[in-house]
Amino acid sequence: MEQKYMDYLVEQAKNLLAIPSPTGYNQEIQAYLREELARLGYPETTGPRRGGVSCHIGGEGNPITLTAHADTLGAMVRHIKDNGSLMITPIGGLNANNVETSNVEIITKFDGKYSGTIQVENASVHVNPEVNAPRSFDTNIEVLIDEDVHCPEDVRKLGIEVGDFVTLDPRTVVTSSGYIKSRFLDDKVCCAILLAYAKYVKEENVKLPRAVWLHFSVYEEIGTGGATLIPQDAHDIVAVDMGCVGELQTGSERKVTLCAKDSKGPYHYEFLKELAKVCIDHKVDYVVDTYFRYGSDVEGSLTAGYDARHITMGPGVYASHGYERTHISGLEQTFECIRRYLEQ
């Protein structure tokens, strides 16, 4: 992978991570994706009414769709408490045990954005003897708004209401050793990989032997991201999504993982073998793994009735749904797996 494409990939990952996009709040990220694809030379994009961006990047016949999801975990205002703090309800698998002290933005419908912090109730250790009680969105996790508010009336004067989105600061860091640390690497690094591949195809004038579609979904974190927009005649659907890293997993932050089975069942066996052979033939550093607490966009596609071969693959990401970490080597190996497979 040429350095210019890796540099672009990392730049796009940082740009995408900086845009708030919890499931259901997709306007900003969709606009960015459309603008960037147009800048790369792909002005013709489509999108269903519910949200998402799809783009044909070249080739004809035997269509294949690569999908990555641009939506993330997040929260929404559930209740305005008597003291002017906010009770929140999680979007997707947001974990109450790892969000404490996160800086957030509350996005109002008509009155702009306000900053705040997620804290446990009565958070001062010098005041609260129960400060280490188990964290729960239902009982003791709240958002403190960075405004002079003391009651629900004060909060509502700001324009903050139940149902407003609460987005978390991703805290993105790229280290000199090549590690990328951030919330929401799942799945914005894979969106960046697809953008980098689109850039490569255009700049290198690659003649794709089959029709290739890129799909950026915005409802994956609630399980329905791949249910719309994918061409009905797609022969193959690839969810480019994070690989699991941890105990009893083969995944690595420095490799691409091919998923053989997730919580819903096996992926397409012949498709898996084709990708594995490409990795072997071209010395792409890969592993095969199974995930027992995992779902992907292709499951949404199958549930919606698409008759297509399906697979999930992507770079290993540690501490998923928390403060995540991966390595640029894993992004490169994923890019190379995609490139080698699509151009054979």
Protein backbone atom coordinates (compact mmCIF):
# COMPACT_ATOMS: atom_id res chain seq x y z
CA MET A 1 0.00 0.00 0.00
CA GLU A 2 1.52 3.29 -1.08
CA GLN A 3 2.21 5.74 1.72
CA LYS A 4 -0.01 8.42 0.18
CA TYR A 5 -3.04 6.14 0.48
CA MET A 6 -2.18 5.21 4.06
CA ASP A 7 -1.77 8.90 4.93
CA TYR A 8 -5.14 9.62 3.35
CA LEU A 9 -6.73 6.69 5.20
CA VAL A 10 -5.53 7.93 8.59
CA GLU A 11 -6.55 11.52 7.77
CA GLN A 12 -10.05 10.37 6.83
CA ALA A 13 -10.33 8.23 9.95
CA LYS A 14 -9.58 11.29 12.08
CA ASN A 15 -12.03 13.44 10.11
CA LEU A 16 -14.83 10.88 10.38
CA LEU A 17 -14.22 10.25 14.08
CA ALA A 18 -14.58 13.99 14.74
CA ILE A 19 -18.12 14.06 13.28
CA PRO A 20 -20.86 13.08 15.76
CA SER A 21 -23.03 10.30 14.34
CA PRO A 22 -24.86 8.20 16.92
CA THR A 23 -27.42 5.95 15.25
CA GLY A 24 -30.31 8.16 14.14
CA TYR A 25 -28.27 11.36 13.91
CA ASN A 26 -26.78 10.99 10.44
CA GLN A 27 -27.06 14.34 8.66
CA GLU A 28 -23.51 15.57 9.28
CA ILE A 29 -21.70 12.34 8.49
CA GLN A 30 -23.74 11.73 5.33
CA ALA A 31 -23.01 15.22 4.03
CA TYR A 32 -19.29 14.71 4.67
CA LEU A 33 -19.22 11.34 2.89
CA ARG A 34 -21.05 12.69 -0.15
CA GLU A 35 -18.73 15.68 -0.37
CA GLU A 36 -15.60 13.56 -0.02
CA LEU A 37 -16.74 11.03 -2.60
CA ALA A 38 -17.51 13.87 -5.01
CA ARG A 39 -14.06 15.35 -4.36
CA LEU A 40 -12.54 11.97 -5.22
CA GLY A 41 -14.41 11.93 -8.52
CA TYR A 42 -17.63 10.11 -7.59
CA PRO A 43 -20.37 12.75 -7.71
CA GLU A 44 -23.19 10.24 -8.23
CA THR A 45 -24.25 8.91 -4.83
CA THR A 46 -27.57 7.57 -3.68
CA GLY A 47 -29.25 7.24 -0.32
CA PRO A 48 -32.49 5.75 0.99
CA ARG A 49 -35.01 7.84 2.85
CA ARG A 50 -33.93 6.37 6.18
CA GLY A 51 -30.28 7.35 5.65
CA GLY A 52 -26.99 6.08 4.27
CA VAL A 53 -24.73 6.75 1.30
CA SER A 54 -24.04 4.40 -1.60
CA CYS A 55 -21.67 4.83 -4.52
CA HIS A 56 -20.74 2.79 -7.61
CA ILE A 57 -16.97 3.09 -8.06
CA GLY A 58 -16.55 1.08 -11.27
CA GLY A 59 -16.90 -2.19 -13.13
CA GLU A 60 -19.87 -4.00 -14.65
CA GLY A 61 -21.70 -7.23 -13.93
CA ASN A 62 -21.57 -9.68 -11.01
CA PRO A 63 -22.07 -6.84 -8.49
CA ILE A 64 -20.43 -6.84 -5.09
CA THR A 65 -21.21 -4.40 -2.26
CA LEU A 66 -18.77 -3.49 0.48
CA THR A 67 -20.55 -1.92 3.44
CA ALA A 68 -19.11 -0.11 6.46
CA HIS A 69 -21.20 1.66 9.05
CA ALA A 70 -20.77 5.34 9.85
CA ASP A 71 -23.12 5.30 12.85
CA THR A 72 -21.80 4.93 16.38
CA LEU A 73 -22.94 4.34 19.92
CA GLY A 74 -24.32 7.32 21.77
CA ALA A 75 -27.20 8.39 23.99
CA MET A 76 -30.38 10.41 24.14
CA VAL A 77 -31.95 12.53 26.86
CA ARG A 78 -34.42 10.34 28.76
CA HIS A 79 -35.41 12.66 31.60
CA ILE A 80 -34.53 16.10 32.98
CA LYS A 81 -33.87 15.64 36.67
CA ASP A 82 -34.96 17.94 39.47
CA ASN A 83 -31.40 19.26 39.94
CA GLY A 84 -30.96 20.19 36.26
CA SER A 85 -28.85 17.19 35.29
CA LEU A 86 -29.90 14.75 32.56
CA MET A 87 -30.81 11.09 32.75
CA ILE A 88 -29.80 9.43 29.48
CA THR A 89 -30.80 6.31 27.59
CA PRO A 90 -28.09 4.50 25.61
CA ILE A 91 -28.11 4.10 21.82
CA GLY A 92 -26.70 0.74 20.78
CA GLY A 93 -24.40 -1.07 23.18
CA LEU A 94 -23.09 1.95 25.09
CA ASN A 95 -21.65 0.64 28.35
CA ALA A 96 -22.43 2.49 31.58
CA ASN A 97 -19.20 1.16 33.09
CA ASN A 98 -16.86 2.94 30.67
CA VAL A 99 -18.56 6.25 29.84
CA GLU A 100 -18.06 8.02 33.16
CA THR A 101 -16.12 11.32 32.85
CA SER A 102 -16.68 11.42 29.08
CA ASN A 103 -17.13 14.89 27.66
CA VAL A 104 -20.31 15.16 25.62
CA GLU A 105 -22.40 17.46 23.47
CA ILE A 106 -26.15 17.73 23.83
CA ILE A 107 -27.64 18.45 20.41
CA THR A 108 -30.91 20.36 20.69
CA LYS A 109 -33.47 20.33 17.93
CA PHE A 110 -33.56 24.09 17.42
CA ASP A 111 -31.13 25.80 19.82
CA GLY A 112 -27.65 24.54 18.98
CA LYS A 113 -25.32 22.35 21.03
CA TYR A 114 -24.25 22.43 24.67
CA SER A 115 -21.28 20.74 26.30
CA GLY A 116 -21.45 18.54 29.35
CA THR A 117 -19.88 15.59 31.17
CA ILE A 118 -21.13 12.12 32.02
CA GLN A 119 -20.69 11.47 35.74
CA VAL A 120 -21.96 9.16 38.43
CA GLU A 121 -24.49 10.90 40.70
CA ASN A 122 -22.94 12.89 43.56
CA ALA A 123 -19.53 12.15 42.07
CA SER A 124 -17.18 13.68 44.66
CA VAL A 125 -15.35 10.99 46.61
CA HIS A 126 -15.00 13.38 49.55
CA VAL A 127 -18.78 13.68 49.75
CA ASN A 128 -20.32 10.40 48.65
CA PRO A 129 -19.41 7.19 50.54
CA GLU A 130 -21.26 5.17 47.85
CA VAL A 131 -19.36 6.70 44.93
CA ASN A 132 -18.13 3.28 43.77
CA ALA A 133 -21.59 1.71 43.49
CA PRO A 134 -22.19 -0.16 40.20
CA ARG A 135 -22.89 2.20 37.30
CA SER A 136 -26.29 2.10 35.64
CA PHE A 137 -28.10 4.35 33.16
CA ASP A 138 -31.31 3.52 35.03
CA THR A 139 -30.14 4.64 38.46
CA ASN A 140 -26.97 6.70 38.84
CA ILE A 141 -25.37 7.84 35.58
CA GLU A 142 -26.17 11.42 34.59
CA VAL A 143 -25.00 14.26 32.36
CA LEU A 144 -23.96 17.54 33.99
CA ILE A 145 -24.61 20.41 31.59
CA ASP A 146 -21.90 23.08 31.44
CA GLU A 147 -24.42 25.86 32.05
CA ASP A 148 -25.89 27.49 35.16
CA VAL A 149 -28.85 25.16 35.53
CA HIS A 150 -30.47 24.01 38.78
CA CYS A 151 -33.90 22.72 37.77
CA PRO A 152 -35.82 21.44 34.73
CA GLU A 153 -37.07 24.92 33.87
CA ASP A 154 -33.48 26.19 33.56
CA VAL A 155 -32.63 23.31 31.22
CA ARG A 156 -35.67 23.78 29.02
CA LYS A 157 -34.87 27.48 28.61
CA LEU A 158 -31.71 26.34 26.82
CA GLY A 159 -33.84 24.34 24.39
CA ILE A 160 -32.77 20.97 25.81
CA GLU A 161 -35.61 18.44 25.85
CA VAL A 162 -36.24 14.73 26.16
CA GLY A 163 -35.23 13.01 22.92
CA ASP A 164 -32.22 15.23 22.20
CA PHE A 165 -29.07 13.39 21.17
CA VAL A 166 -26.03 13.16 23.45
CA THR A 167 -22.73 12.52 21.66
CA LEU A 168 -19.43 11.47 23.25
CA ASP A 169 -16.00 12.99 22.60
CA PRO A 170 -14.07 10.23 20.75
CA ARG A 171 -10.68 11.33 22.22
CA THR A 172 -8.80 10.33 19.06
CA VAL A 173 -5.03 9.84 19.31
CA VAL A 174 -2.63 8.53 16.66
CA THR A 175 0.67 7.48 18.23
CA SER A 176 4.12 7.63 16.68
CA SER A 177 4.21 3.81 16.87
CA GLY A 178 1.17 3.53 14.62
CA TYR A 179 -1.60 2.85 17.12
CA ILE A 180 -4.94 4.60 16.75
CA LYS A 181 -6.88 5.08 19.99
CA SER A 182 -10.42 6.42 19.98
CA ARG A 183 -14.02 5.72 20.66
CA PHE A 184 -15.93 4.62 17.57
CA LEU A 185 -13.10 3.01 15.60
CA ASP A 186 -16.00 0.60 15.16
CA ASP A 187 -16.63 1.31 12.39
CA LYS A 188 -15.24 4.61 11.19
CA VAL A 189 -11.76 3.24 10.45
CA CYS A 190 -13.43 0.86 8.00
CA CYS A 191 -15.32 3.75 6.39
CA ALA A 192 -11.90 5.37 5.94
CA ILE A 193 -10.56 2.17 4.36
CA LEU A 194 -13.36 2.23 1.79
CA LEU A 195 -12.71 5.90 1.02
CA ALA A 196 -9.01 5.14 0.58
CA TYR A 197 -9.84 2.30 -1.80
CA ALA A 198 -12.14 4.60 -3.80
CA LYS A 199 -9.29 7.12 -4.03
CA TYR A 200 -6.88 4.41 -5.15
CA VAL A 201 -9.27 3.13 -7.86
CA LYS A 202 -9.75 6.61 -9.27
CA GLU A 203 -6.15 7.79 -9.15
CA GLU A 204 -4.64 4.54 -10.44
CA ASN A 205 -7.34 4.19 -13.12
CA VAL A 206 -8.08 0.65 -11.94
CA LYS A 207 -10.29 -1.37 -14.31
CA LEU A 208 -12.48 -3.37 -11.98
CA PRO A 209 -13.54 -6.77 -13.39
CA ARG A 210 -16.97 -6.57 -11.73
CA ALA A 211 -19.36 -3.88 -10.50
CA VAL A 212 -18.22 -2.59 -7.11
CA TRP A 213 -20.51 -0.63 -4.81
CA LEU A 214 -19.53 1.07 -1.56
CA HIS A 215 -22.25 1.47 1.03
CA PHE A 216 -21.95 3.56 4.18
CA SER A 217 -24.78 2.56 6.49
CA VAL A 218 -26.10 4.52 9.46
CA TYR A 219 -28.19 2.00 11.41
CA GLU A 220 -25.77 -0.87 12.04
CA GLU A 221 -25.53 -0.36 15.79
CA ILE A 222 -29.21 -1.26 16.11
CA GLY A 223 -29.00 -4.15 13.65
CA THR A 224 -30.62 -2.86 10.44
CA GLY A 225 -27.83 -1.06 8.59
CA GLY A 226 -27.67 -3.44 5.63
CA ALA A 227 -31.43 -3.77 5.17
CA THR A 228 -31.72 -1.06 2.48
CA LEU A 229 -29.86 0.55 -0.42
CA ILE A 230 -27.70 -2.44 -1.39
CA PRO A 231 -28.42 -3.25 -5.07
CA GLN A 232 -31.01 -6.01 -5.29
CA ASP A 233 -28.87 -7.92 -7.80
CA ALA A 234 -25.79 -7.98 -5.53
CA HIS A 235 -24.08 -11.36 -5.79
CA ASP A 236 -21.79 -10.73 -2.80
CA ILE A 237 -22.06 -8.48 0.26
CA VAL A 238 -19.02 -7.77 2.43
CA ALA A 239 -19.41 -6.10 5.81
CA VAL A 240 -16.10 -4.33 6.39
CA ASP A 241 -16.22 -4.08 10.15
CA MET A 242 -13.99 -4.47 13.19
CA GLY A 243 -12.47 -7.80 14.15
CA CYS A 244 -12.65 -8.87 17.79
CA VAL A 245 -9.46 -8.88 19.87
CA GLY A 246 -9.31 -10.51 23.29
CA GLU A 247 -9.26 -13.74 25.23
CA LEU A 248 -10.12 -16.84 23.15
CA GLN A 249 -10.01 -14.77 19.92
CA THR A 250 -7.45 -15.10 17.11
CA GLY A 251 -7.84 -11.46 16.02
CA SER A 252 -4.99 -8.96 16.14
CA GLU A 253 -4.85 -5.18 15.85
CA ARG A 254 -2.14 -5.67 13.21
CA LYS A 255 -4.02 -8.13 10.97
CA VAL A 256 -7.21 -8.45 8.96
CA THR A 257 -9.73 -10.89 10.41
CA LEU A 258 -12.07 -12.99 8.27
CA CYS A 259 -15.14 -13.96 10.25
CA ALA A 260 -16.35 -17.55 9.83
CA LYS A 261 -19.28 -17.30 12.27
CA ASP A 262 -20.91 -14.74 14.55
CA SER A 263 -23.78 -14.80 17.04
CA LYS A 264 -26.34 -15.46 14.30
CA GLY A 265 -24.47 -18.29 12.60
CA PRO A 266 -21.89 -19.13 9.89
CA TYR A 267 -20.95 -16.84 7.04
CA HIS A 268 -20.68 -18.08 3.45
CA TYR A 269 -18.08 -20.85 3.44
CA GLU A 270 -16.91 -20.60 -0.19
CA PHE A 271 -16.66 -16.82 0.06
CA LEU A 272 -14.54 -17.20 3.19
CA LYS A 273 -12.22 -19.62 1.39
CA GLU A 274 -11.84 -17.26 -1.57
CA LEU A 275 -10.76 -14.39 0.68
CA ALA A 276 -8.40 -16.64 2.65
CA LYS A 277 -6.76 -17.87 -0.56
CA VAL A 278 -6.26 -14.30 -1.77
CA CYS A 279 -4.56 -13.47 1.54
CA ILE A 280 -2.30 -16.53 1.26
CA ASP A 281 -1.41 -15.91 -2.39
CA HIS A 282 -0.57 -12.24 -1.81
CA LYS A 283 1.00 -12.55 1.65
CA VAL A 284 -1.72 -10.53 3.37
CA ASP A 285 -1.44 -11.01 7.14
CA TYR A 286 -4.79 -12.50 8.14
CA VAL A 287 -6.58 -14.72 10.64
CA VAL A 288 -9.94 -16.50 10.67
CA ASP A 289 -12.08 -16.08 13.78
CA THR A 290 -15.55 -16.63 15.23
CA TYR A 291 -17.47 -14.07 17.28
CA PHE A 292 -20.05 -15.12 19.84
CA ARG A 293 -21.35 -11.62 20.74
CA TYR A 294 -21.35 -9.89 17.36
CA GLY A 295 -23.61 -8.89 14.49
CA SER A 296 -22.97 -7.05 11.22
CA ASP A 297 -24.62 -5.24 8.33
CA VAL A 298 -24.82 -8.39 6.20
CA GLU A 299 -27.18 -9.94 8.75
CA GLY A 300 -29.52 -7.03 8.16
CA SER A 301 -29.26 -7.73 4.43
CA LEU A 302 -30.10 -11.41 4.80
CA THR A 303 -33.02 -10.64 7.09
CA ALA A 304 -34.29 -8.15 4.49
CA GLY A 305 -34.30 -10.93 1.90
CA TYR A 306 -31.16 -10.28 -0.17
CA ASP A 307 -30.04 -13.43 -1.99
CA ALA A 308 -26.28 -12.93 -1.82
CA ARG A 309 -23.14 -14.53 -0.49
CA HIS A 310 -22.08 -12.80 2.72
CA ILE A 311 -18.96 -12.29 4.81
CA THR A 312 -17.56 -9.96 7.45
CA MET A 313 -13.92 -8.91 7.53
CA GLY A 314 -11.87 -6.08 8.98
CA PRO A 315 -9.00 -4.96 11.19
CA GLY A 316 -8.75 -6.15 14.77
CA VAL A 317 -10.00 -3.61 17.32
CA TYR A 318 -9.29 -3.99 21.03
CA ALA A 319 -11.71 -2.83 23.78
CA SER A 320 -14.69 -2.76 21.45
CA HIS A 321 -17.57 -0.46 22.44
CA GLY A 322 -15.19 1.26 24.84
CA TYR A 323 -12.07 3.37 24.33
CA GLU A 324 -10.89 1.30 21.40
CA ARG A 325 -7.47 0.70 19.85
CA THR A 326 -6.15 -0.61 16.55
CA HIS A 327 -2.96 -0.29 14.51
CA ILE A 328 -2.37 1.10 11.04
CA SER A 329 -0.95 -2.31 10.05
CA GLY A 330 -4.40 -3.83 10.52
CA LEU A 331 -5.92 -1.11 8.34
CA GLU A 332 -3.30 -1.74 5.66
CA GLN A 333 -3.88 -5.51 5.67
CA THR A 334 -7.63 -4.95 5.34
CA PHE A 335 -7.08 -2.57 2.42
CA GLU A 336 -4.79 -5.10 0.74
CA CYS A 337 -7.26 -7.94 1.19
CA ILE A 338 -9.99 -5.86 -0.44
CA ARG A 339 -7.72 -4.67 -3.24
CA ARG A 340 -6.37 -8.10 -4.11
CA TYR A 341 -9.77 -9.75 -4.02
CA LEU A 342 -11.58 -7.15 -6.14
CA GLU A 343 -8.89 -6.94 -8.80
CA GLN A 344 -8.23 -10.64 -9.40
